[in-house]
Amino acid sequence: MTEIDAKIDALVPAWLTLPDIAEKLGVEVTRVRQLVKEGQLIAVRRGENRALHVPADFIDGDKVVKGLSGTLTLLRDDGFTVEEMLEWLFTPDPSLPGTPAQALRENRGTEVKRRAQALAV
């Protein structure tokens, strides 16, 4: 897991701890850790106790946001670090409009994936 800098921390509007996510998803914390290990979620260390946190925008009700896992895979395949993925996902893109993370939450994953694929070119 990665520790993030203040710039990235400021881009992400809200964070959830792994136990918070486990409660929302209705699973054990070990399952959330597995989702992070499998690359379906990104967790970073932040705060005074350096606990693992995931951007709150990655969780929609009782599930992981549709299209997030595939987008993270594309970005990872493009060579992005965790910090670079978070920066890309939470930086406003006027052509979307909004941020890629917002677009995923609004079920506009195709456009987000298209932009992620274009980064590799």
N, C-alpha and C. Protein backbone atom coordinates (compact mmCIF):
# COMPACT_ATOMS: atom_id res chain seq x y z
N MET A 1 0.84 -1.17 0.00
CA MET A 1 0.00 0.00 0.00
C MET A 1 0.88 1.24 0.00
N THR A 2 0.36 2.28 -0.52
CA THR A 2 1.12 3.50 -0.74
C THR A 2 0.68 4.61 0.21
N GLU A 3 1.65 5.43 0.62
CA GLU A 3 1.31 6.66 1.33
C GLU A 3 1.23 7.75 0.28
N ILE A 4 0.27 8.65 0.43
CA ILE A 4 0.06 9.66 -0.59
C ILE A 4 0.49 11.04 -0.10
N ASP A 5 0.73 11.91 -1.07
CA ASP A 5 1.12 13.26 -0.71
C ASP A 5 -0.10 14.15 -0.56
N ALA A 6 0.12 15.36 -0.07
CA ALA A 6 -0.98 16.28 0.23
C ALA A 6 -1.77 16.66 -1.02
N LYS A 7 -1.10 16.75 -2.18
CA LYS A 7 -1.78 17.12 -3.42
C LYS A 7 -2.87 16.10 -3.79
N ILE A 8 -2.51 14.84 -3.74
CA ILE A 8 -3.46 13.77 -4.07
C ILE A 8 -4.55 13.71 -2.99
N ASP A 9 -4.15 13.84 -1.74
CA ASP A 9 -5.10 13.79 -0.65
C ASP A 9 -6.16 14.89 -0.80
N ALA A 10 -5.74 16.05 -1.29
CA ALA A 10 -6.66 17.17 -1.47
C ALA A 10 -7.60 16.96 -2.66
N LEU A 11 -7.18 16.19 -3.67
CA LEU A 11 -8.01 15.94 -4.85
C LEU A 11 -9.22 15.06 -4.52
N VAL A 12 -9.01 14.10 -3.63
CA VAL A 12 -10.06 13.14 -3.30
C VAL A 12 -10.98 13.76 -2.24
N PRO A 13 -12.27 13.91 -2.56
CA PRO A 13 -13.17 14.62 -1.65
C PRO A 13 -13.45 13.90 -0.33
N ALA A 14 -13.48 12.58 -0.32
CA ALA A 14 -13.80 11.83 0.91
C ALA A 14 -13.14 10.45 0.85
N TRP A 15 -12.81 9.95 2.02
CA TRP A 15 -12.14 8.66 2.14
C TRP A 15 -12.93 7.75 3.08
N LEU A 16 -12.78 6.45 2.89
CA LEU A 16 -13.36 5.45 3.78
C LEU A 16 -12.28 4.49 4.23
N THR A 17 -12.36 4.04 5.49
CA THR A 17 -11.44 3.01 5.96
C THR A 17 -11.93 1.65 5.47
N LEU A 18 -11.07 0.65 5.54
CA LEU A 18 -11.46 -0.68 5.10
C LEU A 18 -12.64 -1.23 5.91
N PRO A 19 -12.68 -1.04 7.25
CA PRO A 19 -13.87 -1.50 7.98
C PRO A 19 -15.15 -0.79 7.55
N ASP A 20 -15.05 0.51 7.21
CA ASP A 20 -16.23 1.23 6.71
C ASP A 20 -16.73 0.61 5.41
N ILE A 21 -15.81 0.28 4.53
CA ILE A 21 -16.18 -0.32 3.24
C ILE A 21 -16.78 -1.70 3.45
N ALA A 22 -16.17 -2.48 4.35
CA ALA A 22 -16.70 -3.82 4.64
C ALA A 22 -18.15 -3.72 5.11
N GLU A 23 -18.44 -2.74 5.95
CA GLU A 23 -19.81 -2.56 6.44
C GLU A 23 -20.75 -2.20 5.30
N LYS A 24 -20.33 -1.27 4.43
CA LYS A 24 -21.18 -0.85 3.31
C LYS A 24 -21.44 -2.01 2.35
N LEU A 25 -20.42 -2.82 2.10
CA LEU A 25 -20.55 -3.93 1.15
C LEU A 25 -21.17 -5.17 1.79
N GLY A 26 -21.25 -5.18 3.11
CA GLY A 26 -21.80 -6.34 3.79
C GLY A 26 -20.88 -7.54 3.75
N VAL A 27 -19.56 -7.29 3.82
CA VAL A 27 -18.57 -8.37 3.79
C VAL A 27 -17.59 -8.18 4.95
N GLU A 28 -16.73 -9.16 5.13
CA GLU A 28 -15.68 -9.07 6.14
C GLU A 28 -14.56 -8.16 5.64
N VAL A 29 -13.81 -7.58 6.58
CA VAL A 29 -12.68 -6.71 6.21
C VAL A 29 -11.67 -7.49 5.38
N THR A 30 -11.51 -8.77 5.65
CA THR A 30 -10.56 -9.57 4.87
C THR A 30 -10.94 -9.60 3.39
N ARG A 31 -12.23 -9.56 3.09
CA ARG A 31 -12.69 -9.54 1.69
C ARG A 31 -12.32 -8.22 1.04
N VAL A 32 -12.43 -7.11 1.80
CA VAL A 32 -12.05 -5.80 1.26
C VAL A 32 -10.54 -5.79 0.99
N ARG A 33 -9.76 -6.35 1.91
CA ARG A 33 -8.31 -6.43 1.69
C ARG A 33 -8.01 -7.23 0.41
N GLN A 34 -8.79 -8.29 0.18
CA GLN A 34 -8.62 -9.10 -1.03
C GLN A 34 -8.95 -8.29 -2.28
N LEU A 35 -10.00 -7.46 -2.22
CA LEU A 35 -10.35 -6.60 -3.36
C LEU A 35 -9.19 -5.64 -3.68
N VAL A 36 -8.54 -5.13 -2.63
CA VAL A 36 -7.39 -4.25 -2.83
C VAL A 36 -6.24 -5.05 -3.44
N LYS A 37 -5.98 -6.22 -2.89
CA LYS A 37 -4.88 -7.06 -3.38
C LYS A 37 -5.09 -7.45 -4.84
N GLU A 38 -6.35 -7.71 -5.22
CA GLU A 38 -6.68 -8.10 -6.60
C GLU A 38 -6.68 -6.90 -7.55
N GLY A 39 -6.58 -5.69 -7.03
CA GLY A 39 -6.56 -4.50 -7.88
C GLY A 39 -7.94 -3.97 -8.24
N GLN A 40 -8.98 -4.46 -7.57
CA GLN A 40 -10.33 -3.96 -7.84
C GLN A 40 -10.60 -2.65 -7.10
N LEU A 41 -9.81 -2.37 -6.08
CA LEU A 41 -9.86 -1.12 -5.33
C LEU A 41 -8.43 -0.63 -5.11
N ILE A 42 -8.29 0.66 -4.87
CA ILE A 42 -6.99 1.24 -4.51
C ILE A 42 -7.09 1.68 -3.05
N ALA A 43 -6.11 1.26 -2.24
CA ALA A 43 -6.04 1.70 -0.85
C ALA A 43 -4.70 2.38 -0.63
N VAL A 44 -4.73 3.46 0.12
CA VAL A 44 -3.50 4.18 0.46
C VAL A 44 -3.48 4.45 1.96
N ARG A 45 -2.27 4.64 2.47
CA ARG A 45 -2.12 4.97 3.89
C ARG A 45 -2.20 6.48 4.04
N ARG A 46 -3.03 6.94 5.00
CA ARG A 46 -3.18 8.37 5.25
C ARG A 46 -3.67 8.58 6.67
N GLY A 47 -3.63 9.83 7.09
CA GLY A 47 -4.09 10.17 8.43
C GLY A 47 -3.01 9.95 9.46
N GLU A 48 -3.32 10.34 10.68
CA GLU A 48 -2.35 10.25 11.77
C GLU A 48 -1.89 8.83 12.04
N ASN A 49 -2.79 7.88 11.99
CA ASN A 49 -2.40 6.49 12.30
C ASN A 49 -2.01 5.69 11.06
N ARG A 50 -1.95 6.35 9.91
CA ARG A 50 -1.54 5.72 8.64
C ARG A 50 -2.41 4.51 8.29
N ALA A 51 -3.68 4.59 8.63
CA ALA A 51 -4.62 3.50 8.31
C ALA A 51 -4.89 3.49 6.81
N LEU A 52 -5.27 2.32 6.31
CA LEU A 52 -5.60 2.20 4.89
C LEU A 52 -6.94 2.87 4.62
N HIS A 53 -6.99 3.65 3.55
CA HIS A 53 -8.21 4.35 3.14
C HIS A 53 -8.42 4.16 1.64
N VAL A 54 -9.68 4.14 1.24
CA VAL A 54 -10.09 4.03 -0.16
C VAL A 54 -10.97 5.25 -0.45
N PRO A 55 -10.84 5.86 -1.65
CA PRO A 55 -11.75 6.97 -1.96
C PRO A 55 -13.21 6.55 -1.85
N ALA A 56 -14.00 7.36 -1.16
CA ALA A 56 -15.42 7.05 -0.96
C ALA A 56 -16.16 6.95 -2.29
N ASP A 57 -15.71 7.68 -3.30
CA ASP A 57 -16.36 7.66 -4.61
C ASP A 57 -16.27 6.30 -5.30
N PHE A 58 -15.43 5.40 -4.78
CA PHE A 58 -15.30 4.08 -5.38
C PHE A 58 -16.40 3.12 -4.92
N ILE A 59 -17.18 3.54 -3.93
CA ILE A 59 -18.25 2.69 -3.40
C ILE A 59 -19.59 3.34 -3.70
N ASP A 60 -20.48 2.57 -4.27
CA ASP A 60 -21.82 3.07 -4.62
C ASP A 60 -22.85 2.23 -3.88
N GLY A 61 -23.33 2.74 -2.76
CA GLY A 61 -24.28 1.99 -1.96
C GLY A 61 -23.63 0.77 -1.35
N ASP A 62 -24.04 -0.42 -1.83
CA ASP A 62 -23.49 -1.65 -1.28
C ASP A 62 -22.63 -2.42 -2.29
N LYS A 63 -22.04 -1.66 -3.23
CA LYS A 63 -21.17 -2.32 -4.22
C LYS A 63 -20.06 -1.38 -4.68
N VAL A 64 -19.04 -1.97 -5.31
CA VAL A 64 -17.97 -1.19 -5.91
C VAL A 64 -18.53 -0.56 -7.19
N VAL A 65 -18.15 0.67 -7.46
CA VAL A 65 -18.65 1.39 -8.64
C VAL A 65 -18.38 0.57 -9.91
N LYS A 66 -19.42 0.43 -10.72
CA LYS A 66 -19.32 -0.30 -11.98
C LYS A 66 -18.25 0.32 -12.87
N GLY A 67 -17.40 -0.52 -13.44
CA GLY A 67 -16.37 -0.05 -14.36
C GLY A 67 -15.06 0.34 -13.70
N LEU A 68 -15.04 0.44 -12.37
CA LEU A 68 -13.81 0.86 -11.69
C LEU A 68 -12.69 -0.14 -11.88
N SER A 69 -12.98 -1.40 -11.66
CA SER A 69 -11.96 -2.44 -11.74
C SER A 69 -11.27 -2.46 -13.11
N GLY A 70 -12.08 -2.40 -14.17
CA GLY A 70 -11.52 -2.40 -15.53
C GLY A 70 -10.68 -1.16 -15.81
N THR A 71 -11.13 -0.02 -15.29
CA THR A 71 -10.39 1.22 -15.48
C THR A 71 -9.06 1.15 -14.74
N LEU A 72 -9.06 0.63 -13.52
CA LEU A 72 -7.82 0.50 -12.77
C LEU A 72 -6.85 -0.44 -13.48
N THR A 73 -7.38 -1.51 -14.07
CA THR A 73 -6.53 -2.44 -14.81
C THR A 73 -5.89 -1.74 -16.01
N LEU A 74 -6.68 -0.96 -16.75
CA LEU A 74 -6.14 -0.23 -17.90
C LEU A 74 -5.03 0.73 -17.46
N LEU A 75 -5.27 1.47 -16.40
CA LEU A 75 -4.28 2.43 -15.93
C LEU A 75 -3.01 1.71 -15.44
N ARG A 76 -3.19 0.61 -14.73
CA ARG A 76 -2.04 -0.17 -14.26
C ARG A 76 -1.25 -0.69 -15.45
N ASP A 77 -1.96 -1.19 -16.47
CA ASP A 77 -1.29 -1.69 -17.68
C ASP A 77 -0.55 -0.58 -18.42
N ASP A 78 -1.04 0.66 -18.26
CA ASP A 78 -0.37 1.82 -18.88
C ASP A 78 0.86 2.25 -18.07
N GLY A 79 1.10 1.58 -16.93
CA GLY A 79 2.27 1.89 -16.12
C GLY A 79 2.03 2.93 -15.04
N PHE A 80 0.78 3.24 -14.76
CA PHE A 80 0.45 4.23 -13.73
C PHE A 80 0.76 3.68 -12.34
N THR A 81 1.27 4.54 -11.48
CA THR A 81 1.41 4.20 -10.07
C THR A 81 0.06 4.47 -9.40
N VAL A 82 -0.08 4.05 -8.16
CA VAL A 82 -1.32 4.30 -7.42
C VAL A 82 -1.59 5.80 -7.35
N GLU A 83 -0.54 6.59 -7.06
CA GLU A 83 -0.71 8.04 -6.97
C GLU A 83 -1.17 8.62 -8.30
N GLU A 84 -0.56 8.16 -9.39
CA GLU A 84 -0.94 8.66 -10.72
C GLU A 84 -2.37 8.26 -11.09
N MET A 85 -2.79 7.06 -10.67
CA MET A 85 -4.17 6.63 -10.94
C MET A 85 -5.14 7.54 -10.20
N LEU A 86 -4.86 7.81 -8.92
CA LEU A 86 -5.74 8.67 -8.14
C LEU A 86 -5.78 10.08 -8.72
N GLU A 87 -4.61 10.58 -9.11
CA GLU A 87 -4.57 11.93 -9.69
C GLU A 87 -5.40 11.98 -10.98
N TRP A 88 -5.26 10.99 -11.84
CA TRP A 88 -6.01 10.96 -13.10
C TRP A 88 -7.51 10.83 -12.84
N LEU A 89 -7.88 9.95 -11.92
CA LEU A 89 -9.30 9.71 -11.64
C LEU A 89 -10.00 10.90 -11.00
N PHE A 90 -9.26 11.72 -10.26
CA PHE A 90 -9.89 12.81 -9.52
C PHE A 90 -9.52 14.21 -10.03
N THR A 91 -8.88 14.29 -11.20
CA THR A 91 -8.60 15.58 -11.81
C THR A 91 -9.69 15.86 -12.84
N PRO A 92 -10.31 17.05 -12.75
CA PRO A 92 -11.38 17.38 -13.71
C PRO A 92 -10.92 17.28 -15.16
N ASP A 93 -11.79 16.72 -15.98
CA ASP A 93 -11.54 16.59 -17.42
C ASP A 93 -12.69 17.29 -18.14
N PRO A 94 -12.42 18.46 -18.73
CA PRO A 94 -13.50 19.23 -19.36
C PRO A 94 -14.21 18.46 -20.47
N SER A 95 -13.56 17.49 -21.08
CA SER A 95 -14.20 16.75 -22.16
C SER A 95 -15.21 15.72 -21.64
N LEU A 96 -15.22 15.43 -20.33
CA LEU A 96 -16.16 14.43 -19.83
C LEU A 96 -17.58 14.95 -19.60
N PRO A 97 -17.92 15.97 -18.98
CA PRO A 97 -17.22 16.85 -18.04
C PRO A 97 -17.16 16.24 -16.65
N GLY A 98 -16.40 16.89 -15.76
CA GLY A 98 -16.19 16.38 -14.41
C GLY A 98 -14.93 15.55 -14.34
N THR A 99 -14.82 14.76 -13.30
CA THR A 99 -13.66 13.88 -13.15
C THR A 99 -14.00 12.49 -13.67
N PRO A 100 -12.99 11.70 -14.05
CA PRO A 100 -13.26 10.32 -14.44
C PRO A 100 -13.98 9.54 -13.32
N ALA A 101 -13.65 9.81 -12.06
CA ALA A 101 -14.32 9.11 -10.96
C ALA A 101 -15.81 9.45 -10.93
N GLN A 102 -16.15 10.72 -11.17
CA GLN A 102 -17.57 11.12 -11.22
C GLN A 102 -18.27 10.43 -12.39
N ALA A 103 -17.60 10.38 -13.53
CA ALA A 103 -18.19 9.75 -14.71
C ALA A 103 -18.47 8.27 -14.45
N LEU A 104 -17.55 7.58 -13.77
CA LEU A 104 -17.79 6.18 -13.44
C LEU A 104 -19.02 6.04 -12.55
N ARG A 105 -19.15 6.91 -11.57
CA ARG A 105 -20.30 6.86 -10.65
C ARG A 105 -21.60 7.12 -11.39
N GLU A 106 -21.53 7.90 -12.47
CA GLU A 106 -22.72 8.24 -13.26
C GLU A 106 -22.94 7.26 -14.41
N ASN A 107 -22.29 6.10 -14.35
CA ASN A 107 -22.42 5.04 -15.35
C ASN A 107 -21.98 5.49 -16.74
N ARG A 108 -20.93 6.30 -16.79
CA ARG A 108 -20.34 6.71 -18.06
C ARG A 108 -18.95 6.08 -18.22
N GLY A 109 -18.86 4.82 -17.83
CA GLY A 109 -17.59 4.10 -17.83
C GLY A 109 -16.96 3.93 -19.19
N THR A 110 -17.77 3.82 -20.23
CA THR A 110 -17.22 3.65 -21.58
C THR A 110 -16.34 4.82 -21.96
N GLU A 111 -16.80 6.03 -21.67
CA GLU A 111 -16.01 7.24 -21.98
C GLU A 111 -14.72 7.26 -21.16
N VAL A 112 -14.81 6.88 -19.91
CA VAL A 112 -13.63 6.87 -19.05
C VAL A 112 -12.61 5.86 -19.56
N LYS A 113 -13.08 4.67 -19.90
CA LYS A 113 -12.17 3.63 -20.41
C LYS A 113 -11.55 4.05 -21.74
N ARG A 114 -12.31 4.72 -22.57
CA ARG A 114 -11.79 5.21 -23.84
C ARG A 114 -10.61 6.16 -23.60
N ARG A 115 -10.77 7.06 -22.64
CA ARG A 115 -9.70 8.00 -22.31
C ARG A 115 -8.50 7.29 -21.70
N ALA A 116 -8.75 6.29 -20.86
CA ALA A 116 -7.67 5.52 -20.25
C ALA A 116 -6.89 4.76 -21.31
N GLN A 117 -7.59 4.18 -22.27
CA GLN A 117 -6.92 3.46 -23.36
C GLN A 117 -6.09 4.39 -24.21
N ALA A 118 -6.57 5.62 -24.40
CA ALA A 118 -5.84 6.59 -25.22
C ALA A 118 -4.53 7.01 -24.57
N LEU A 119 -4.44 6.89 -23.26
CA LEU A 119 -3.21 7.26 -22.56
C LEU A 119 -2.04 6.36 -22.95
N ALA A 120 -2.35 5.13 -23.36
CA ALA A 120 -1.31 4.18 -23.71
C ALA A 120 -0.71 4.45 -25.08
N VAL A 121 -1.41 5.22 -25.90
CA VAL A 121 -0.96 5.46 -27.28
C VAL A 121 0.18 6.45 -27.31
